[in-house]
């Protein structure tokens, strides 16, 4: 088990308004995060993330995202589905999975929850393997 906090840089966005009047788009950003594990161990990471809106009524999530995380003890990816929880679209709640790549995370899988507000995010995770 671990908790984390991240701070993201300003995202680059693309998109527009579809024929049905609904906005669509994607974003790319980088950031930094700190994690604390249940045993007290701490790690620092850099992140590269993308997100893309999903068509209305097409799935349970308003957007999907993926992040590559480079930590001081290995690398992994986070894949998630997110929903906006405020009218302005600046606050999200996400759930997803973790896929380990190298180091302490090589070959491992896990789960993730995340709450993002503006450029900051907090969450929890658990490596299951």
N, C-alpha and C. Protein backbone atom coordinates (compact mmCIF):
# COMPACT_ATOMS: atom_id res chain seq x y z
N UNK A 1 0.84 -1.18 0.00
CA UNK A 1 0.00 0.00 0.00
C UNK A 1 0.88 1.24 0.00
N UNK A 2 0.41 2.30 -0.68
CA UNK A 2 1.11 3.56 -0.67
C UNK A 2 0.14 4.71 -0.89
N UNK A 3 0.56 5.90 -0.48
CA UNK A 3 -0.16 7.13 -0.78
C UNK A 3 0.78 8.00 -1.60
N UNK A 4 0.21 8.90 -2.38
CA UNK A 4 1.05 9.78 -3.19
C UNK A 4 0.41 11.15 -3.33
N UNK A 5 1.27 12.12 -3.63
CA UNK A 5 0.86 13.48 -3.96
C UNK A 5 1.67 13.90 -5.16
N UNK A 6 1.02 14.58 -6.10
CA UNK A 6 1.74 15.04 -7.29
C UNK A 6 1.40 16.48 -7.61
N UNK A 7 2.30 17.10 -8.32
CA UNK A 7 2.11 18.46 -8.81
C UNK A 7 2.41 18.43 -10.31
N UNK A 8 1.47 18.88 -11.12
CA UNK A 8 1.62 18.80 -12.57
C UNK A 8 1.93 20.15 -13.18
N UNK A 9 2.66 20.11 -14.28
CA UNK A 9 2.90 21.31 -15.07
C UNK A 9 1.64 21.65 -15.86
N UNK A 10 1.60 22.80 -16.49
CA UNK A 10 0.46 23.21 -17.31
C UNK A 10 0.32 22.26 -18.49
N UNK A 11 -0.86 21.70 -18.71
CA UNK A 11 -1.01 20.75 -19.82
C UNK A 11 -1.10 21.43 -21.18
N UNK A 12 -0.66 20.71 -22.19
CA UNK A 12 -0.90 21.09 -23.58
C UNK A 12 -2.19 20.38 -23.98
N UNK A 13 -3.14 21.10 -24.58
CA UNK A 13 -4.43 20.51 -24.92
C UNK A 13 -4.73 20.64 -26.40
N UNK A 14 -5.54 19.72 -26.90
CA UNK A 14 -6.06 19.76 -28.27
C UNK A 14 -7.53 19.40 -28.21
N UNK A 15 -8.31 19.82 -29.19
CA UNK A 15 -9.71 19.45 -29.23
C UNK A 15 -10.58 20.56 -29.73
N UNK A 16 -11.87 20.39 -29.51
CA UNK A 16 -12.85 21.36 -29.98
C UNK A 16 -14.24 20.96 -29.55
N UNK A 17 -15.22 21.33 -30.36
CA UNK A 17 -16.62 21.01 -30.10
C UNK A 17 -17.12 20.17 -31.26
N UNK A 18 -17.72 19.03 -30.92
CA UNK A 18 -18.22 18.11 -31.94
C UNK A 18 -19.53 18.57 -32.54
N UNK A 19 -20.02 17.83 -33.54
CA UNK A 19 -21.26 18.14 -34.24
C UNK A 19 -22.46 18.15 -33.29
N UNK A 20 -22.37 17.36 -32.21
CA UNK A 20 -23.47 17.31 -31.24
C UNK A 20 -23.38 18.43 -30.20
N UNK A 21 -22.40 19.32 -30.33
CA UNK A 21 -22.24 20.43 -29.40
C UNK A 21 -21.44 20.08 -28.16
N UNK A 22 -21.04 18.82 -28.02
CA UNK A 22 -20.26 18.40 -26.84
C UNK A 22 -18.77 18.62 -27.09
N UNK A 23 -18.06 19.12 -26.08
CA UNK A 23 -16.61 19.30 -26.25
C UNK A 23 -15.88 17.96 -26.26
N UNK A 24 -14.75 17.92 -26.96
CA UNK A 24 -13.91 16.73 -26.96
C UNK A 24 -12.47 17.19 -26.95
N UNK A 25 -11.59 16.32 -26.55
CA UNK A 25 -10.19 16.71 -26.58
C UNK A 25 -9.29 15.78 -25.81
N UNK A 26 -8.03 16.16 -25.83
CA UNK A 26 -7.01 15.42 -25.12
C UNK A 26 -5.99 16.39 -24.54
N UNK A 27 -5.14 15.86 -23.67
CA UNK A 27 -4.12 16.69 -23.03
C UNK A 27 -2.87 15.86 -22.76
N UNK A 28 -1.75 16.54 -22.66
CA UNK A 28 -0.47 15.94 -22.30
C UNK A 28 0.20 16.84 -21.27
N UNK A 29 0.77 16.24 -20.23
CA UNK A 29 1.47 17.04 -19.23
C UNK A 29 2.55 16.20 -18.53
N UNK A 30 3.42 16.90 -17.84
CA UNK A 30 4.46 16.27 -17.04
C UNK A 30 4.29 16.75 -15.61
N UNK A 31 4.95 16.08 -14.68
CA UNK A 31 4.86 16.48 -13.29
C UNK A 31 5.85 15.74 -12.41
N UNK A 32 5.71 15.96 -11.13
CA UNK A 32 6.55 15.32 -10.12
C UNK A 32 5.65 14.80 -9.01
N UNK A 33 6.04 13.68 -8.40
CA UNK A 33 5.24 13.14 -7.31
C UNK A 33 6.12 12.54 -6.23
N UNK A 34 5.52 12.41 -5.06
CA UNK A 34 6.15 11.78 -3.90
C UNK A 34 5.21 10.70 -3.39
N UNK A 35 5.75 9.54 -3.08
CA UNK A 35 4.94 8.45 -2.54
C UNK A 35 5.51 7.99 -1.21
N UNK A 36 4.62 7.57 -0.33
CA UNK A 36 5.01 6.99 0.95
C UNK A 36 4.35 5.62 1.07
N UNK A 37 5.16 4.60 1.29
CA UNK A 37 4.66 3.23 1.40
C UNK A 37 4.32 2.90 2.85
N UNK A 38 3.52 1.86 3.04
CA UNK A 38 3.06 1.46 4.37
C UNK A 38 4.23 1.18 5.31
N UNK A 39 5.37 0.73 4.79
CA UNK A 39 6.53 0.45 5.65
C UNK A 39 7.36 1.69 5.94
N UNK A 40 6.90 2.88 5.49
CA UNK A 40 7.60 4.13 5.74
C UNK A 40 8.56 4.55 4.65
N UNK A 41 8.84 3.66 3.70
CA UNK A 41 9.74 3.98 2.59
C UNK A 41 9.13 5.10 1.75
N UNK A 42 9.98 6.00 1.26
CA UNK A 42 9.52 7.12 0.42
C UNK A 42 10.22 7.08 -0.92
N UNK A 43 9.50 7.47 -1.97
CA UNK A 43 10.08 7.58 -3.30
C UNK A 43 9.68 8.91 -3.92
N UNK A 44 10.49 9.37 -4.86
CA UNK A 44 10.16 10.54 -5.66
C UNK A 44 10.10 10.10 -7.12
N UNK A 45 9.26 10.75 -7.91
CA UNK A 45 9.04 10.33 -9.29
C UNK A 45 8.84 11.53 -10.20
N UNK A 46 9.08 11.30 -11.48
CA UNK A 46 8.63 12.21 -12.52
C UNK A 46 7.57 11.49 -13.32
N UNK A 47 6.62 12.24 -13.85
CA UNK A 47 5.52 11.64 -14.58
C UNK A 47 5.34 12.30 -15.94
N UNK A 48 4.89 11.49 -16.90
CA UNK A 48 4.43 11.97 -18.21
C UNK A 48 3.06 11.35 -18.40
N UNK A 49 2.05 12.20 -18.64
CA UNK A 49 0.68 11.71 -18.70
C UNK A 49 -0.06 12.23 -19.94
N UNK A 50 -1.05 11.45 -20.37
CA UNK A 50 -1.98 11.86 -21.41
C UNK A 50 -3.38 11.56 -20.94
N UNK A 51 -4.35 12.30 -21.43
CA UNK A 51 -5.76 11.99 -21.18
C UNK A 51 -6.55 12.32 -22.43
N UNK A 52 -7.70 11.68 -22.57
CA UNK A 52 -8.56 11.92 -23.72
C UNK A 52 -10.01 11.78 -23.30
N UNK A 53 -10.83 12.76 -23.70
CA UNK A 53 -12.25 12.70 -23.37
C UNK A 53 -12.89 11.53 -24.12
N UNK A 54 -13.98 11.04 -23.57
CA UNK A 54 -14.71 9.93 -24.17
C UNK A 54 -16.08 10.43 -24.62
N UNK A 55 -16.58 9.87 -25.72
CA UNK A 55 -17.90 10.31 -26.19
C UNK A 55 -18.97 10.10 -25.12
N UNK A 56 -19.93 11.00 -25.02
CA UNK A 56 -21.01 10.84 -24.03
C UNK A 56 -21.73 9.49 -24.20
N UNK A 57 -22.10 8.91 -23.08
CA UNK A 57 -22.86 7.66 -23.04
C UNK A 57 -22.11 6.48 -23.66
N UNK A 58 -20.82 6.62 -23.91
CA UNK A 58 -20.05 5.56 -24.52
C UNK A 58 -19.42 4.63 -23.49
N UNK A 59 -19.23 5.13 -22.27
CA UNK A 59 -18.62 4.33 -21.23
C UNK A 59 -18.95 4.95 -19.89
N UNK A 60 -18.46 4.35 -18.82
CA UNK A 60 -18.75 4.89 -17.50
C UNK A 60 -17.83 6.05 -17.14
N UNK A 61 -16.79 6.29 -17.95
CA UNK A 61 -15.84 7.36 -17.64
C UNK A 61 -15.94 8.51 -18.64
N UNK A 62 -15.78 9.73 -18.15
CA UNK A 62 -15.77 10.91 -19.01
C UNK A 62 -14.45 11.06 -19.75
N UNK A 63 -13.37 10.49 -19.17
CA UNK A 63 -12.08 10.51 -19.85
C UNK A 63 -11.24 9.34 -19.39
N UNK A 64 -10.29 8.99 -20.22
CA UNK A 64 -9.31 7.96 -19.90
C UNK A 64 -7.93 8.59 -19.89
N UNK A 65 -7.05 8.06 -19.06
CA UNK A 65 -5.71 8.60 -18.96
C UNK A 65 -4.67 7.51 -18.81
N UNK A 66 -3.44 7.86 -19.13
CA UNK A 66 -2.30 6.96 -18.95
C UNK A 66 -1.11 7.80 -18.54
N UNK A 67 -0.34 7.29 -17.59
CA UNK A 67 0.87 7.97 -17.14
C UNK A 67 2.03 6.99 -17.11
N UNK A 68 3.20 7.45 -17.50
CA UNK A 68 4.44 6.73 -17.30
C UNK A 68 5.15 7.39 -16.13
N UNK A 69 5.54 6.59 -15.15
CA UNK A 69 6.17 7.09 -13.93
C UNK A 69 7.59 6.57 -13.85
N UNK A 70 8.54 7.48 -13.66
CA UNK A 70 9.94 7.12 -13.48
C UNK A 70 10.28 7.47 -12.04
N UNK A 71 10.48 6.44 -11.22
CA UNK A 71 10.74 6.60 -9.80
C UNK A 71 12.20 6.28 -9.50
N UNK A 72 12.66 6.66 -8.32
CA UNK A 72 14.03 6.35 -7.96
C UNK A 72 14.26 4.86 -7.69
N UNK A 73 13.20 4.05 -7.69
CA UNK A 73 13.38 2.60 -7.51
C UNK A 73 12.79 1.77 -8.65
N UNK A 74 12.44 2.39 -9.78
CA UNK A 74 11.94 1.66 -10.94
C UNK A 74 10.94 2.48 -11.73
N UNK A 75 10.37 1.84 -12.76
CA UNK A 75 9.40 2.52 -13.62
C UNK A 75 8.12 1.70 -13.71
N UNK A 76 7.00 2.40 -13.93
CA UNK A 76 5.72 1.74 -14.11
C UNK A 76 4.77 2.67 -14.83
N UNK A 77 3.65 2.12 -15.28
CA UNK A 77 2.60 2.91 -15.93
C UNK A 77 1.32 2.81 -15.11
N UNK A 78 0.53 3.87 -15.16
CA UNK A 78 -0.80 3.90 -14.55
C UNK A 78 -1.81 4.13 -15.67
N UNK A 79 -2.84 3.32 -15.72
CA UNK A 79 -3.92 3.42 -16.71
C UNK A 79 -5.20 3.63 -15.94
N UNK A 80 -5.98 4.68 -16.30
CA UNK A 80 -7.13 4.99 -15.45
C UNK A 80 -8.32 5.55 -16.22
N UNK A 81 -9.46 5.43 -15.60
CA UNK A 81 -10.68 6.06 -16.05
C UNK A 81 -11.05 7.13 -15.03
N UNK A 82 -11.51 8.28 -15.52
CA UNK A 82 -11.78 9.42 -14.64
C UNK A 82 -13.12 10.06 -14.95
N UNK A 83 -13.70 10.68 -13.94
CA UNK A 83 -14.90 11.48 -14.10
C UNK A 83 -14.69 12.85 -13.46
N UNK A 84 -15.22 13.88 -14.10
CA UNK A 84 -15.21 15.21 -13.50
C UNK A 84 -16.20 15.21 -12.35
N UNK A 85 -15.83 15.85 -11.26
CA UNK A 85 -16.72 15.91 -10.10
C UNK A 85 -17.13 17.34 -9.76
N UNK A 86 -16.78 18.29 -10.64
CA UNK A 86 -17.24 19.66 -10.49
C UNK A 86 -17.71 20.18 -11.84
N UNK A 87 -18.54 21.17 -11.83
CA UNK A 87 -19.12 21.70 -13.05
C UNK A 87 -18.08 22.33 -13.97
N UNK A 88 -17.04 22.95 -13.41
CA UNK A 88 -16.00 23.62 -14.19
C UNK A 88 -15.06 22.64 -14.89
N UNK A 89 -15.07 21.38 -14.49
CA UNK A 89 -14.19 20.39 -15.11
C UNK A 89 -12.74 20.50 -14.67
N UNK A 90 -12.52 21.00 -13.46
CA UNK A 90 -11.16 21.14 -12.95
C UNK A 90 -10.85 20.15 -11.83
N UNK A 91 -11.81 19.33 -11.46
CA UNK A 91 -11.64 18.37 -10.38
C UNK A 91 -12.08 17.00 -10.86
N UNK A 92 -11.25 15.99 -10.66
CA UNK A 92 -11.55 14.64 -11.15
C UNK A 92 -11.35 13.59 -10.06
N UNK A 93 -12.06 12.50 -10.22
CA UNK A 93 -11.83 11.29 -9.44
C UNK A 93 -11.57 10.16 -10.42
N UNK A 94 -10.52 9.36 -10.15
CA UNK A 94 -10.09 8.33 -11.08
C UNK A 94 -9.84 7.01 -10.37
N UNK A 95 -9.99 5.92 -11.11
CA UNK A 95 -9.59 4.58 -10.65
C UNK A 95 -8.83 3.93 -11.78
N UNK A 96 -7.92 3.04 -11.44
CA UNK A 96 -7.18 2.41 -12.52
C UNK A 96 -6.25 1.31 -12.06
N UNK A 97 -5.39 0.93 -12.99
CA UNK A 97 -4.45 -0.14 -12.75
C UNK A 97 -3.02 0.33 -12.90
N UNK A 98 -2.11 -0.43 -12.30
CA UNK A 98 -0.67 -0.18 -12.37
C UNK A 98 0.01 -1.34 -13.07
N UNK A 99 0.94 -1.03 -13.95
CA UNK A 99 1.70 -2.04 -14.68
C UNK A 99 3.18 -1.75 -14.48
N UNK A 100 3.88 -2.63 -13.75
CA UNK A 100 5.29 -2.44 -13.47
C UNK A 100 6.15 -2.73 -14.69
N UNK A 101 7.25 -1.98 -14.82
CA UNK A 101 8.15 -2.16 -15.96
C UNK A 101 9.55 -2.57 -15.51
N UNK A 102 10.20 -1.78 -14.65
CA UNK A 102 11.59 -2.05 -14.28
C UNK A 102 11.78 -1.92 -12.76
N UNK A 103 12.95 -2.33 -12.28
CA UNK A 103 13.33 -2.17 -10.88
C UNK A 103 12.38 -2.89 -9.94
N UNK A 104 12.02 -2.21 -8.85
CA UNK A 104 11.15 -2.79 -7.83
C UNK A 104 9.76 -3.13 -8.36
N UNK A 105 9.39 -2.59 -9.52
CA UNK A 105 8.04 -2.78 -10.07
C UNK A 105 8.00 -3.79 -11.22
N UNK A 106 9.13 -4.29 -11.65
CA UNK A 106 9.20 -5.19 -12.81
C UNK A 106 8.25 -6.37 -12.66
N UNK A 107 7.38 -6.55 -13.65
CA UNK A 107 6.45 -7.68 -13.67
C UNK A 107 5.30 -7.60 -12.69
N UNK A 108 5.15 -6.51 -11.98
CA UNK A 108 4.09 -6.40 -10.97
C UNK A 108 2.85 -5.72 -11.54
N UNK A 109 1.72 -5.95 -10.88
CA UNK A 109 0.45 -5.32 -11.23
C UNK A 109 -0.16 -4.76 -9.96
N UNK A 110 -0.98 -3.71 -10.11
CA UNK A 110 -1.60 -3.11 -8.94
C UNK A 110 -2.82 -2.29 -9.29
N UNK A 111 -3.36 -1.60 -8.29
CA UNK A 111 -4.53 -0.75 -8.45
C UNK A 111 -4.24 0.65 -7.93
N UNK A 112 -5.09 1.61 -8.33
CA UNK A 112 -4.85 3.01 -8.03
C UNK A 112 -6.17 3.75 -7.90
N UNK A 113 -6.23 4.69 -6.96
CA UNK A 113 -7.30 5.68 -6.90
C UNK A 113 -6.64 7.05 -6.88
N UNK A 114 -7.31 8.04 -7.44
CA UNK A 114 -6.70 9.37 -7.56
C UNK A 114 -7.79 10.42 -7.50
N UNK A 115 -7.51 11.51 -6.81
CA UNK A 115 -8.37 12.69 -6.82
C UNK A 115 -7.52 13.87 -7.28
N UNK A 116 -7.89 14.48 -8.39
CA UNK A 116 -7.14 15.61 -8.92
C UNK A 116 -7.95 16.89 -8.82
N UNK A 117 -7.27 17.96 -8.45
CA UNK A 117 -7.92 19.27 -8.37
C UNK A 117 -6.92 20.30 -8.86
N UNK A 118 -7.23 20.94 -10.00
CA UNK A 118 -6.28 21.86 -10.60
C UNK A 118 -5.04 21.10 -11.02
N UNK A 119 -3.87 21.58 -10.63
CA UNK A 119 -2.60 20.95 -11.02
C UNK A 119 -2.10 19.94 -9.99
N UNK A 120 -2.86 19.71 -8.92
CA UNK A 120 -2.43 18.79 -7.87
C UNK A 120 -3.29 17.54 -7.85
N UNK A 121 -2.70 16.45 -7.40
CA UNK A 121 -3.45 15.20 -7.25
C UNK A 121 -2.95 14.47 -6.01
N UNK A 122 -3.85 13.71 -5.40
CA UNK A 122 -3.53 12.85 -4.26
C UNK A 122 -4.20 11.53 -4.51
N UNK A 123 -3.62 10.46 -3.98
CA UNK A 123 -4.24 9.18 -4.18
C UNK A 123 -3.60 8.08 -3.37
N UNK A 124 -4.10 6.88 -3.64
CA UNK A 124 -3.60 5.68 -2.98
C UNK A 124 -3.37 4.60 -4.02
N UNK A 125 -2.51 3.68 -3.70
CA UNK A 125 -2.27 2.56 -4.59
C UNK A 125 -1.87 1.33 -3.82
N UNK A 126 -1.91 0.23 -4.52
CA UNK A 126 -1.53 -1.04 -3.92
C UNK A 126 -0.92 -1.93 -4.99
N UNK A 127 0.28 -2.41 -4.75
CA UNK A 127 0.88 -3.39 -5.64
C UNK A 127 0.37 -4.75 -5.20
N UNK A 128 -0.24 -5.51 -6.11
CA UNK A 128 -0.88 -6.78 -5.78
C UNK A 128 0.01 -7.97 -6.05
N UNK A 129 1.02 -7.80 -6.86
CA UNK A 129 1.93 -8.91 -7.18
C UNK A 129 3.34 -8.47 -6.91
